[in-house]
Protein backbone atom coordinates (compact mmCIF):
# COMPACT_ATOMS: atom_id res chain seq x y z
CA MET A 1 -88.67 -55.08 175.95
CA ASP A 2 -89.49 -54.60 179.58
CA VAL A 3 -92.21 -52.24 181.59
CA PHE A 4 -89.34 -50.28 183.19
CA GLU A 5 -87.41 -49.59 179.79
CA ALA A 6 -91.03 -49.06 177.99
CA ILE A 7 -91.97 -46.49 180.76
CA ALA A 8 -88.35 -44.76 180.26
CA ASN A 9 -88.75 -44.68 176.94
CA ARG A 10 -92.37 -43.37 176.64
CA ARG A 11 -93.46 -40.34 174.40
CA SER A 12 -96.15 -38.04 173.52
CA ILE A 13 -97.25 -38.11 170.01
CA ARG A 14 -99.43 -34.91 168.82
CA ALA A 15 -98.43 -35.40 164.95
CA TYR A 16 -100.55 -37.73 163.38
CA LYS A 17 -100.81 -39.51 159.33
CA ASN A 18 -104.13 -38.21 158.13
CA GLU A 19 -104.80 -41.84 157.22
CA PRO A 20 -107.78 -43.73 159.19
CA VAL A 21 -107.00 -46.48 161.61
CA PRO A 22 -107.66 -50.10 159.75
CA ALA A 23 -110.57 -51.80 161.65
CA ASP A 24 -108.72 -54.90 162.41
CA ALA A 25 -106.05 -52.61 164.30
CA LEU A 26 -108.80 -50.52 165.92
CA ASP A 27 -110.60 -53.95 167.29
CA LYS A 28 -107.54 -55.26 168.25
CA ILE A 29 -106.69 -51.95 170.59
CA LEU A 30 -110.41 -51.54 171.75
CA GLU A 31 -109.47 -55.21 172.95
CA ALA A 32 -106.69 -54.53 174.78
CA ALA A 33 -108.29 -51.61 176.98
CA ARG A 34 -111.30 -53.75 177.08
CA ILE A 35 -109.12 -56.30 179.16
CA ALA A 36 -107.21 -53.87 180.90
CA PRO A 37 -107.23 -54.13 184.77
CA SER A 38 -109.66 -51.37 186.16
CA ALA A 39 -109.78 -50.88 189.88
CA GLY A 40 -111.72 -53.40 191.83
CA ASN A 41 -111.74 -55.23 188.73
CA ARG A 42 -115.09 -53.01 188.30
CA GLN A 43 -114.51 -52.32 184.33
CA GLU A 44 -116.54 -49.10 184.31
CA TYR A 45 -114.45 -48.56 180.54
CA LYS A 46 -117.27 -46.76 177.95
CA PHE A 47 -115.46 -46.35 174.52
CA ILE A 48 -116.79 -43.89 172.03
CA VAL A 49 -114.75 -44.44 168.47
CA VAL A 50 -115.45 -41.22 166.44
CA THR A 51 -114.38 -41.75 162.76
CA ASP A 52 -116.13 -38.79 161.28
CA GLU A 53 -113.85 -35.62 160.74
CA ALA A 54 -116.53 -33.33 161.32
CA THR A 55 -117.64 -34.91 164.43
CA ARG A 56 -113.78 -34.86 165.74
CA LYS A 57 -113.54 -31.09 165.34
CA ALA A 58 -116.79 -30.33 166.68
CA LEU A 59 -115.78 -32.10 170.01
CA VAL A 60 -112.56 -30.22 170.05
CA PRO A 61 -113.98 -27.67 172.51
CA ALA A 62 -115.46 -30.33 174.96
CA CYS A 63 -111.68 -31.70 175.10
CA ASN A 64 -110.00 -28.35 176.67
CA ASN A 65 -109.16 -27.33 172.59
CA GLN A 66 -106.64 -30.30 172.51
CA THR A 67 -106.88 -30.81 168.59
CA PHE A 68 -104.93 -33.94 168.95
């Protein structure tokens, strides 16, 4: 798949399985995000991974009430 096909066929997912993301998959995702280009190569990324359901629910108001 080329980049144009990926862009044309993109979609938003807001219904997820009620299963934890495997640690190895999460590590791979975070590594991809870490090495992604940034403006001026400043790489000012900060990632916070929340796996606790109660904490996720407590964060909803801070995210414009987006529960997904």
